All heavy atoms as atom14 arrays in JSON, in Angstrom:
{
  "sequence": "TIRSHAVDGAPVIPGKRFPVILFSHGYSATTFSYTAQIEDFVSHGY",
  "atom14_mask": [
    [1, 1, 1, 1, 1, 1, 1, 0, 0, 0, 0, 0, 0, 0],
    [1, 1, 1, 1, 1, 1, 1, 1, 0, 0, 0, 0, 0, 0],
    [1, 1, 1, 1, 1, 1, 1, 1, 1, 1, 1, 0, 0, 0],
    [1, 1, 1, 1, 1, 1, 0, 0, 0, 0, 0, 0, 0, 0],
    [1, 1, 1, 1, 1, 1, 1, 1, 1, 1, 0, 0, 0, 0],
    [1, 1, 1, 1, 1, 0, 0, 0, 0, 0, 0, 0, 0, 0],
    [1, 1, 1, 1, 1, 1, 1, 0, 0, 0, 0, 0, 0, 0],
    [1, 1, 1, 1, 1, 1, 1, 1, 0, 0, 0, 0, 0, 0],
    [1, 1, 1, 1, 0, 0, 0, 0, 0, 0, 0, 0, 0, 0],
    [1, 1, 1, 1, 1, 0, 0, 0, 0, 0, 0, 0, 0, 0],
    [1, 1, 1, 1, 1, 1, 1, 0, 0, 0, 0, 0, 0, 0],
    [1, 1, 1, 1, 1, 1, 1, 0, 0, 0, 0, 0, 0, 0],
    [1, 1, 1, 1, 1, 1, 1, 1, 0, 0, 0, 0, 0, 0],
    [1, 1, 1, 1, 1, 1, 1, 0, 0, 0, 0, 0, 0, 0],
    [1, 1, 1, 1, 0, 0, 0, 0, 0, 0, 0, 0, 0, 0],
    [1, 1, 1, 1, 1, 1, 1, 1, 1, 0, 0, 0, 0, 0],
    [1, 1, 1, 1, 1, 1, 1, 1, 1, 1, 1, 0, 0, 0],
    [1, 1, 1, 1, 1, 1, 1, 1, 1, 1, 1, 0, 0, 0],
    [1, 1, 1, 1, 1, 1, 1, 0, 0, 0, 0, 0, 0, 0],
    [1, 1, 1, 1, 1, 1, 1, 0, 0, 0, 0, 0, 0, 0],
    [1, 1, 1, 1, 1, 1, 1, 1, 0, 0, 0, 0, 0, 0],
    [1, 1, 1, 1, 1, 1, 1, 1, 0, 0, 0, 0, 0, 0],
    [1, 1, 1, 1, 1, 1, 1, 1, 1, 1, 1, 0, 0, 0],
    [1, 1, 1, 1, 1, 1, 0, 0, 0, 0, 0, 0, 0, 0],
    [1, 1, 1, 1, 1, 1, 1, 1, 1, 1, 0, 0, 0, 0],
    [1, 1, 1, 1, 0, 0, 0, 0, 0, 0, 0, 0, 0, 0],
    [1, 1, 1, 1, 1, 1, 1, 1, 1, 1, 1, 1, 0, 0],
    [1, 1, 1, 1, 1, 1, 0, 0, 0, 0, 0, 0, 0, 0],
    [1, 1, 1, 1, 1, 0, 0, 0, 0, 0, 0, 0, 0, 0],
    [1, 1, 1, 1, 1, 1, 1, 0, 0, 0, 0, 0, 0, 0],
    [1, 1, 1, 1, 1, 1, 1, 0, 0, 0, 0, 0, 0, 0],
    [1, 1, 1, 1, 1, 1, 1, 1, 1, 1, 1, 0, 0, 0],
    [1, 1, 1, 1, 1, 1, 0, 0, 0, 0, 0, 0, 0, 0],
    [1, 1, 1, 1, 1, 1, 1, 1, 1, 1, 1, 1, 0, 0],
    [1, 1, 1, 1, 1, 1, 1, 0, 0, 0, 0, 0, 0, 0],
    [1, 1, 1, 1, 1, 0, 0, 0, 0, 0, 0, 0, 0, 0],
    [1, 1, 1, 1, 1, 1, 1, 1, 1, 0, 0, 0, 0, 0],
    [1, 1, 1, 1, 1, 1, 1, 1, 0, 0, 0, 0, 0, 0],
    [1, 1, 1, 1, 1, 1, 1, 1, 1, 0, 0, 0, 0, 0],
    [1, 1, 1, 1, 1, 1, 1, 1, 0, 0, 0, 0, 0, 0],
    [1, 1, 1, 1, 1, 1, 1, 1, 1, 1, 1, 0, 0, 0],
    [1, 1, 1, 1, 1, 1, 1, 0, 0, 0, 0, 0, 0, 0],
    [1, 1, 1, 1, 1, 1, 0, 0, 0, 0, 0, 0, 0, 0],
    [1, 1, 1, 1, 1, 1, 1, 1, 1, 1, 0, 0, 0, 0],
    [1, 1, 1, 1, 0, 0, 0, 0, 0, 0, 0, 0, 0, 0],
    [1, 1, 1, 1, 1, 1, 1, 1, 1, 1, 1, 1, 0, 0]
  ],
  "atom14_positions": [
    [[12.46, -6.19, -13.22], [11.49, -6.87, -14.09], [10.15, -7.05, -13.38], [9.08, -6.9, -13.98], [12.04, -8.24, -14.52], [13.32, -8.06, -15.11], [11.1, -8.91, -15.51], [0.0, 0.0, 0.0], [0.0, 0.0, 0.0], [0.0, 0.0, 0.0], [0.0, 0.0, 0.0], [0.0, 0.0, 0.0], [0.0, 0.0, 0.0], [0.0, 0.0, 0.0]],
    [[10.2, -7.42, -12.09], [9.0, -7.48, -11.26], [8.87, -6.14, -10.54], [9.78, -5.73, -9.82], [9.08, -8.63, -10.24], [9.12, -9.98, -10.98], [7.91, -8.59, -9.27], [9.31, -11.17, -10.07], [0.0, 0.0, 0.0], [0.0, 0.0, 0.0], [0.0, 0.0, 0.0], [0.0, 0.0, 0.0], [0.0, 0.0, 0.0], [0.0, 0.0, 0.0]],
    [[7.76, -5.47, -10.75], [7.59, -4.13, -10.2], [6.29, -4.01, -9.42], [5.37, -4.82, -9.57], [7.6, -3.08, -11.33], [8.89, -3.09, -12.15], [8.96, -1.92, -13.1], [9.17, -0.65, -12.41], [10.35, -0.21, -12.0], [11.44, -0.93, -12.17], [10.46, 0.98, -11.4], [0.0, 0.0, 0.0], [0.0, 0.0, 0.0], [0.0, 0.0, 0.0]],
    [[6.23, -2.98, -8.62], [5.0, -2.63, -7.91], [4.08, -1.86, -8.85], [4.51, -1.38, -9.9], [5.36, -1.76, -6.69], [4.23, -1.15, -6.14], [0.0, 0.0, 0.0], [0.0, 0.0, 0.0], [0.0, 0.0, 0.0], [0.0, 0.0, 0.0], [0.0, 0.0, 0.0], [0.0, 0.0, 0.0], [0.0, 0.0, 0.0], [0.0, 0.0, 0.0]],
    [[2.81, -1.75, -8.46], [1.89, -0.86, -9.17], [1.88, 0.54, -8.54], [1.18, 1.43, -9.02], [0.47, -1.43, -9.16], [0.34, -2.7, -9.93], [0.38, -3.95, -9.34], [0.19, -2.93, -11.26], [0.25, -4.88, -10.25], [0.13, -4.3, -11.43], [0.0, 0.0, 0.0], [0.0, 0.0, 0.0], [0.0, 0.0, 0.0], [0.0, 0.0, 0.0]],
    [[2.64, 0.72, -7.46], [2.65, 2.01, -6.76], [3.57, 2.99, -7.47], [4.61, 2.62, -8.03], [3.12, 1.81, -5.32], [0.0, 0.0, 0.0], [0.0, 0.0, 0.0], [0.0, 0.0, 0.0], [0.0, 0.0, 0.0], [0.0, 0.0, 0.0], [0.0, 0.0, 0.0], [0.0, 0.0, 0.0], [0.0, 0.0, 0.0], [0.0, 0.0, 0.0]],
    [[3.2, 4.26, -7.41], [4.0, 5.34, -7.97], [4.57, 6.15, -6.81], [3.83, 6.72, -6.01], [3.15, 6.24, -8.89], [3.95, 7.44, -9.36], [2.63, 5.43, -10.08], [0.0, 0.0, 0.0], [0.0, 0.0, 0.0], [0.0, 0.0, 0.0], [0.0, 0.0, 0.0], [0.0, 0.0, 0.0], [0.0, 0.0, 0.0], [0.0, 0.0, 0.0]],
    [[5.88, 6.16, -6.7], [6.52, 6.87, -5.6], [6.3, 8.38, -5.74], [6.53, 8.97, -6.8], [8.02, 6.57, -5.57], [8.3, 5.12, -5.19], [7.75, 4.68, -4.17], [9.02, 4.43, -5.92], [0.0, 0.0, 0.0], [0.0, 0.0, 0.0], [0.0, 0.0, 0.0], [0.0, 0.0, 0.0], [0.0, 0.0, 0.0], [0.0, 0.0, 0.0]],
    [[5.84, 8.99, -4.64], [5.63, 10.44, -4.63], [4.43, 10.92, -5.42], [4.36, 12.11, -5.76], [0.0, 0.0, 0.0], [0.0, 0.0, 0.0], [0.0, 0.0, 0.0], [0.0, 0.0, 0.0], [0.0, 0.0, 0.0], [0.0, 0.0, 0.0], [0.0, 0.0, 0.0], [0.0, 0.0, 0.0], [0.0, 0.0, 0.0], [0.0, 0.0, 0.0]],
    [[3.48, 10.04, -5.72], [2.29, 10.46, -6.47], [1.5, 11.48, -5.67], [1.54, 11.51, -4.44], [1.42, 9.24, -6.76], [0.0, 0.0, 0.0], [0.0, 0.0, 0.0], [0.0, 0.0, 0.0], [0.0, 0.0, 0.0], [0.0, 0.0, 0.0], [0.0, 0.0, 0.0], [0.0, 0.0, 0.0], [0.0, 0.0, 0.0], [0.0, 0.0, 0.0]],
    [[0.76, 12.36, -6.36], [-0.01, 13.38, -5.64], [-1.16, 12.78, -4.85], [-1.72, 11.75, -5.23], [-0.52, 14.28, -6.77], [-0.57, 13.38, -7.97], [0.59, 12.46, -7.82], [0.0, 0.0, 0.0], [0.0, 0.0, 0.0], [0.0, 0.0, 0.0], [0.0, 0.0, 0.0], [0.0, 0.0, 0.0], [0.0, 0.0, 0.0], [0.0, 0.0, 0.0]],
    [[-1.51, 13.42, -3.74], [-2.67, 12.98, -2.97], [-3.94, 13.49, -3.64], [-3.89, 14.39, -4.48], [-2.6, 13.49, -1.51], [-1.35, 12.98, -0.83], [-2.64, 15.02, -1.48], [0.0, 0.0, 0.0], [0.0, 0.0, 0.0], [0.0, 0.0, 0.0], [0.0, 0.0, 0.0], [0.0, 0.0, 0.0], [0.0, 0.0, 0.0], [0.0, 0.0, 0.0]],
    [[-5.06, 12.9, -3.28], [-6.35, 13.33, -3.8], [-6.88, 14.44, -2.88], [-7.14, 14.21, -1.7], [-7.35, 12.17, -3.85], [-6.82, 11.04, -4.73], [-8.71, 12.65, -4.35], [-7.68, 9.81, -4.74], [0.0, 0.0, 0.0], [0.0, 0.0, 0.0], [0.0, 0.0, 0.0], [0.0, 0.0, 0.0], [0.0, 0.0, 0.0], [0.0, 0.0, 0.0]],
    [[-7.0, 15.66, -3.37], [-7.44, 16.76, -2.49], [-8.88, 16.57, -2.03], [-9.74, 16.11, -2.77], [-7.3, 18.0, -3.39], [-7.34, 17.48, -4.79], [-6.74, 16.12, -4.75], [0.0, 0.0, 0.0], [0.0, 0.0, 0.0], [0.0, 0.0, 0.0], [0.0, 0.0, 0.0], [0.0, 0.0, 0.0], [0.0, 0.0, 0.0], [0.0, 0.0, 0.0]],
    [[-9.1, 16.9, -0.77], [-10.45, 16.89, -0.22], [-10.99, 15.54, 0.18], [-12.16, 15.44, 0.56], [0.0, 0.0, 0.0], [0.0, 0.0, 0.0], [0.0, 0.0, 0.0], [0.0, 0.0, 0.0], [0.0, 0.0, 0.0], [0.0, 0.0, 0.0], [0.0, 0.0, 0.0], [0.0, 0.0, 0.0], [0.0, 0.0, 0.0], [0.0, 0.0, 0.0]],
    [[-10.18, 14.48, 0.1], [-10.65, 13.14, 0.5], [-9.78, 12.61, 1.63], [-8.58, 12.8, 1.66], [-10.61, 12.17, -0.69], [-11.67, 12.44, -1.74], [-11.73, 11.33, -2.77], [-12.33, 10.04, -2.2], [-13.78, 10.15, -1.98], [0.0, 0.0, 0.0], [0.0, 0.0, 0.0], [0.0, 0.0, 0.0], [0.0, 0.0, 0.0], [0.0, 0.0, 0.0]],
    [[-10.45, 11.92, 2.57], [-9.76, 11.28, 3.68], [-10.13, 9.79, 3.69], [-11.28, 9.43, 3.42], [-10.13, 11.92, 5.02], [-9.74, 13.39, 5.1], [-10.24, 14.03, 6.38], [-9.46, 13.61, 7.53], [-8.32, 14.19, 7.91], [-7.82, 15.19, 7.21], [-7.67, 13.79, 8.97], [0.0, 0.0, 0.0], [0.0, 0.0, 0.0], [0.0, 0.0, 0.0]],
    [[-9.15, 8.97, 4.01], [-9.35, 7.53, 3.96], [-8.97, 6.9, 5.31], [-8.05, 7.37, 5.99], [-8.47, 6.92, 2.87], [-8.72, 7.46, 1.49], [-7.98, 8.53, 1.01], [-9.71, 6.92, 0.7], [-8.21, 9.04, -0.26], [-9.95, 7.42, -0.58], [-9.2, 8.48, -1.06], [0.0, 0.0, 0.0], [0.0, 0.0, 0.0], [0.0, 0.0, 0.0]],
    [[-9.68, 5.82, 5.7], [-9.28, 5.11, 6.92], [-7.87, 4.52, 6.75], [-7.39, 4.33, 5.64], [-10.34, 4.02, 7.08], [-10.96, 3.88, 5.73], [-10.86, 5.21, 5.07], [0.0, 0.0, 0.0], [0.0, 0.0, 0.0], [0.0, 0.0, 0.0], [0.0, 0.0, 0.0], [0.0, 0.0, 0.0], [0.0, 0.0, 0.0], [0.0, 0.0, 0.0]],
    [[-7.25, 4.24, 7.89], [-5.83, 3.87, 7.91], [-5.65, 2.46, 8.44], [-6.31, 2.04, 9.39], [-5.04, 4.87, 8.79], [-3.58, 4.45, 8.91], [-5.14, 6.28, 8.21], [0.0, 0.0, 0.0], [0.0, 0.0, 0.0], [0.0, 0.0, 0.0], [0.0, 0.0, 0.0], [0.0, 0.0, 0.0], [0.0, 0.0, 0.0], [0.0, 0.0, 0.0]],
    [[-4.74, 1.72, 7.8], [-4.35, 0.39, 8.26], [-2.88, 0.44, 8.67], [-2.02, 0.81, 7.86], [-4.53, -0.66, 7.15], [-6.01, -0.82, 6.8], [-3.93, -2.01, 7.56], [-6.25, -1.66, 5.56], [0.0, 0.0, 0.0], [0.0, 0.0, 0.0], [0.0, 0.0, 0.0], [0.0, 0.0, 0.0], [0.0, 0.0, 0.0], [0.0, 0.0, 0.0]],
    [[-2.59, 0.09, 9.92], [-1.21, -0.13, 10.35], [-0.89, -1.59, 10.03], [-1.46, -2.5, 10.62], [-1.04, 0.11, 11.85], [-1.13, 1.53, 12.38], [-0.89, 1.52, 13.89], [-0.14, 2.45, 11.7], [0.0, 0.0, 0.0], [0.0, 0.0, 0.0], [0.0, 0.0, 0.0], [0.0, 0.0, 0.0], [0.0, 0.0, 0.0], [0.0, 0.0, 0.0]],
    [[0.03, -1.81, 9.1], [0.31, -3.18, 8.66], [1.66, -3.66, 9.16], [2.67, -2.96, 9.04], [0.26, -3.28, 7.14], [0.43, -4.7, 6.64], [-0.65, -5.55, 6.6], [1.68, -5.17, 6.27], [-0.51, -6.87, 6.18], [1.84, -6.48, 5.85], [0.74, -7.34, 5.81], [0.0, 0.0, 0.0], [0.0, 0.0, 0.0], [0.0, 0.0, 0.0]],
    [[1.68, -4.89, 9.69], [2.91, -5.5, 10.2], [3.18, -6.83, 9.52], [2.3, -7.7, 9.45], [2.82, -5.71, 11.72], [2.78, -4.46, 12.4], [0.0, 0.0, 0.0], [0.0, 0.0, 0.0], [0.0, 0.0, 0.0], [0.0, 0.0, 0.0], [0.0, 0.0, 0.0], [0.0, 0.0, 0.0], [0.0, 0.0, 0.0], [0.0, 0.0, 0.0]],
    [[4.38, -6.98, 9.01], [4.81, -8.19, 8.31], [5.02, -9.34, 9.28], [5.08, -9.18, 10.51], [6.1, -7.92, 7.55], [7.21, -7.41, 8.45], [7.93, -8.22, 9.3], [7.71, -6.15, 8.62], [8.83, -7.5, 9.96], [8.71, -6.25, 9.57], [0.0, 0.0, 0.0], [0.0, 0.0, 0.0], [0.0, 0.0, 0.0], [0.0, 0.0, 0.0]],
    [[5.2, -10.53, 8.73], [5.49, -11.7, 9.53], [6.94, -11.74, 9.98], [7.78, -10.95, 9.53], [0.0, 0.0, 0.0], [0.0, 0.0, 0.0], [0.0, 0.0, 0.0], [0.0, 0.0, 0.0], [0.0, 0.0, 0.0], [0.0, 0.0, 0.0], [0.0, 0.0, 0.0], [0.0, 0.0, 0.0], [0.0, 0.0, 0.0], [0.0, 0.0, 0.0]],
    [[7.24, -12.7, 10.86], [8.57, -12.87, 11.43], [9.59, -13.15, 10.33], [9.4, -14.05, 9.51], [8.53, -14.03, 12.42], [9.66, -14.08, 13.42], [9.96, -13.0, 14.22], [10.41, -15.25, 13.58], [10.97, -13.05, 15.16], [11.42, -15.33, 14.52], [11.71, -14.22, 15.32], [12.73, -14.29, 16.23], [0.0, 0.0, 0.0], [0.0, 0.0, 0.0]],
    [[10.63, -12.37, 10.26], [11.74, -12.46, 9.32], [11.33, -12.12, 7.89], [12.12, -12.34, 6.95], [12.43, -13.84, 9.36], [11.71, -14.82, 8.64], [0.0, 0.0, 0.0], [0.0, 0.0, 0.0], [0.0, 0.0, 0.0], [0.0, 0.0, 0.0], [0.0, 0.0, 0.0], [0.0, 0.0, 0.0], [0.0, 0.0, 0.0], [0.0, 0.0, 0.0]],
    [[10.14, -11.57, 7.69], [9.69, -11.16, 6.36], [9.94, -9.66, 6.19], [10.64, -9.03, 6.99], [8.21, -11.5, 6.17], [0.0, 0.0, 0.0], [0.0, 0.0, 0.0], [0.0, 0.0, 0.0], [0.0, 0.0, 0.0], [0.0, 0.0, 0.0], [0.0, 0.0, 0.0], [0.0, 0.0, 0.0], [0.0, 0.0, 0.0], [0.0, 0.0, 0.0]],
    [[9.37, -9.06, 5.15], [9.43, -7.62, 4.96], [8.06, -7.14, 4.49], [7.22, -7.92, 4.04], [10.48, -7.19, 3.9], [9.91, -7.34, 2.6], [11.75, -8.02, 4.0], [0.0, 0.0, 0.0], [0.0, 0.0, 0.0], [0.0, 0.0, 0.0], [0.0, 0.0, 0.0], [0.0, 0.0, 0.0], [0.0, 0.0, 0.0], [0.0, 0.0, 0.0]],
    [[7.86, -5.82, 4.58], [6.64, -5.23, 4.07], [6.36, -5.63, 2.64], [5.23, -5.93, 2.24], [6.76, -3.69, 4.15], [6.68, -3.29, 5.52], [5.7, -2.99, 3.35], [0.0, 0.0, 0.0], [0.0, 0.0, 0.0], [0.0, 0.0, 0.0], [0.0, 0.0, 0.0], [0.0, 0.0, 0.0], [0.0, 0.0, 0.0], [0.0, 0.0, 0.0]],
    [[7.42, -5.67, 1.82], [7.23, -5.82, 0.38], [6.82, -7.23, -0.01], [6.35, -7.45, -1.13], [8.51, -5.38, -0.35], [8.86, -3.97, 0.02], [9.87, -3.72, 0.93], [8.14, -2.91, -0.49], [10.17, -2.42, 1.31], [8.43, -1.61, -0.11], [9.44, -1.36, 0.8], [0.0, 0.0, 0.0], [0.0, 0.0, 0.0], [0.0, 0.0, 0.0]],
    [[6.95, -8.18, 0.91], [6.46, -9.53, 0.66], [4.93, -9.56, 0.58], [4.36, -10.56, 0.16], [6.93, -10.48, 1.77], [8.33, -10.44, 1.9], [0.0, 0.0, 0.0], [0.0, 0.0, 0.0], [0.0, 0.0, 0.0], [0.0, 0.0, 0.0], [0.0, 0.0, 0.0], [0.0, 0.0, 0.0], [0.0, 0.0, 0.0], [0.0, 0.0, 0.0]],
    [[4.27, -8.46, 0.96], [2.81, -8.38, 0.99], [2.3, -7.29, 0.05], [1.22, -6.75, 0.24], [2.34, -8.09, 2.43], [2.83, -9.11, 3.42], [4.05, -8.94, 4.08], [2.1, -10.26, 3.7], [4.52, -9.88, 4.99], [2.56, -11.2, 4.6], [3.78, -11.01, 5.23], [4.23, -11.95, 6.13], [0.0, 0.0, 0.0], [0.0, 0.0, 0.0]],
    [[3.08, -6.99, -0.98], [2.74, -5.89, -1.87], [1.36, -6.06, -2.51], [0.57, -5.1, -2.57], [3.81, -5.74, -2.97], [5.06, -5.39, -2.35], [3.42, -4.67, -3.97], [0.0, 0.0, 0.0], [0.0, 0.0, 0.0], [0.0, 0.0, 0.0], [0.0, 0.0, 0.0], [0.0, 0.0, 0.0], [0.0, 0.0, 0.0], [0.0, 0.0, 0.0]],
    [[1.01, -7.25, -2.97], [-0.28, -7.45, -3.63], [-1.43, -7.14, -2.67], [-2.41, -6.47, -3.05], [-0.4, -8.87, -4.17], [0.0, 0.0, 0.0], [0.0, 0.0, 0.0], [0.0, 0.0, 0.0], [0.0, 0.0, 0.0], [0.0, 0.0, 0.0], [0.0, 0.0, 0.0], [0.0, 0.0, 0.0], [0.0, 0.0, 0.0], [0.0, 0.0, 0.0]],
    [[-1.33, -7.63, -1.44], [-2.38, -7.38, -0.46], [-2.48, -5.89, -0.13], [-3.58, -5.33, -0.07], [-2.08, -8.17, 0.82], [-3.09, -7.94, 1.93], [-2.7, -8.58, 3.25], [-3.28, -8.25, 4.27], [-1.74, -9.49, 3.24], [0.0, 0.0, 0.0], [0.0, 0.0, 0.0], [0.0, 0.0, 0.0], [0.0, 0.0, 0.0], [0.0, 0.0, 0.0]],
    [[-1.33, -5.25, 0.08], [-1.33, -3.83, 0.42], [-1.93, -3.01, -0.73], [-2.76, -2.12, -0.51], [0.1, -3.37, 0.73], [0.57, -3.97, 2.06], [0.19, -1.84, 0.79], [2.04, -3.75, 2.37], [0.0, 0.0, 0.0], [0.0, 0.0, 0.0], [0.0, 0.0, 0.0], [0.0, 0.0, 0.0], [0.0, 0.0, 0.0], [0.0, 0.0, 0.0]],
    [[-1.52, -3.32, -1.95], [-2.05, -2.58, -3.09], [-3.56, -2.76, -3.23], [-4.27, -1.82, -3.61], [-1.34, -3.03, -4.37], [0.12, -2.61, -4.44], [0.8, -3.0, -5.74], [0.24, -3.85, -6.48], [1.89, -2.47, -6.01], [0.0, 0.0, 0.0], [0.0, 0.0, 0.0], [0.0, 0.0, 0.0], [0.0, 0.0, 0.0], [0.0, 0.0, 0.0]],
    [[-4.06, -3.94, -2.92], [-5.5, -4.17, -3.0], [-6.24, -3.31, -1.98], [-7.25, -2.69, -2.3], [-5.82, -5.64, -2.78], [-7.31, -5.92, -2.96], [-7.77, -5.94, -4.12], [-8.01, -6.11, -1.95], [0.0, 0.0, 0.0], [0.0, 0.0, 0.0], [0.0, 0.0, 0.0], [0.0, 0.0, 0.0], [0.0, 0.0, 0.0], [0.0, 0.0, 0.0]],
    [[-5.73, -3.26, -0.74], [-6.35, -2.4, 0.27], [-6.41, -0.95, -0.23], [-7.45, -0.29, -0.15], [-5.54, -2.43, 1.57], [-5.81, -3.61, 2.46], [-4.75, -4.29, 3.06], [-7.09, -4.04, 2.73], [-4.99, -5.37, 3.91], [-7.34, -5.11, 3.57], [-6.28, -5.79, 4.15], [0.0, 0.0, 0.0], [0.0, 0.0, 0.0], [0.0, 0.0, 0.0]],
    [[-5.28, -0.46, -0.71], [-5.19, 0.95, -1.12], [-6.12, 1.22, -2.3], [-6.8, 2.26, -2.34], [-3.74, 1.31, -1.47], [-3.65, 2.75, -1.98], [-2.83, 1.14, -0.24], [0.0, 0.0, 0.0], [0.0, 0.0, 0.0], [0.0, 0.0, 0.0], [0.0, 0.0, 0.0], [0.0, 0.0, 0.0], [0.0, 0.0, 0.0], [0.0, 0.0, 0.0]],
    [[-6.18, 0.3, -3.25], [-7.03, 0.52, -4.42], [-8.51, 0.59, -4.05], [-9.31, 1.15, -4.79], [-6.8, -0.59, -5.45], [-7.42, -1.81, -5.07], [0.0, 0.0, 0.0], [0.0, 0.0, 0.0], [0.0, 0.0, 0.0], [0.0, 0.0, 0.0], [0.0, 0.0, 0.0], [0.0, 0.0, 0.0], [0.0, 0.0, 0.0], [0.0, 0.0, 0.0]],
    [[-8.86, 0.04, -2.87], [-10.24, 0.1, -2.39], [-10.46, 1.22, -1.37], [-11.49, 1.25, -0.69], [-10.64, -1.25, -1.78], [-10.91, -2.3, -2.8], [-9.96, -3.17, -3.27], [-12.05, -2.63, -3.49], [-10.48, -3.98, -4.17], [-11.74, -3.68, -4.32], [0.0, 0.0, 0.0], [0.0, 0.0, 0.0], [0.0, 0.0, 0.0], [0.0, 0.0, 0.0]],
    [[-9.52, 2.15, -1.28], [-9.76, 3.33, -0.45], [-9.27, 3.27, 0.97], [-9.95, 3.73, 1.88], [0.0, 0.0, 0.0], [0.0, 0.0, 0.0], [0.0, 0.0, 0.0], [0.0, 0.0, 0.0], [0.0, 0.0, 0.0], [0.0, 0.0, 0.0], [0.0, 0.0, 0.0], [0.0, 0.0, 0.0], [0.0, 0.0, 0.0], [0.0, 0.0, 0.0]],
    [[-8.07, 2.72, 1.18], [-7.42, 2.73, 2.47], [-6.01, 3.3, 2.33], [-5.36, 3.12, 1.29], [-7.3, 1.31, 3.06], [-8.6, 0.75, 3.57], [-9.43, -0.02, 2.75], [-9.01, 0.99, 4.89], [-10.62, -0.53, 3.21], [-10.21, 0.47, 5.36], [-11.01, -0.28, 4.52], [-12.21, -0.79, 4.99], [0.0, 0.0, 0.0], [0.0, 0.0, 0.0]]
  ]
}
């Protein structure tokens, strides 16, 4: 019922390169606890 906005296996954008963020979750958390933040970064070109 609660879903991500990400599409698994979506095609890359040809001819464009984006800066990279290495993201680390908090102690005893998981990556997915930060989905909104991660999606915002990506939507702005990271």
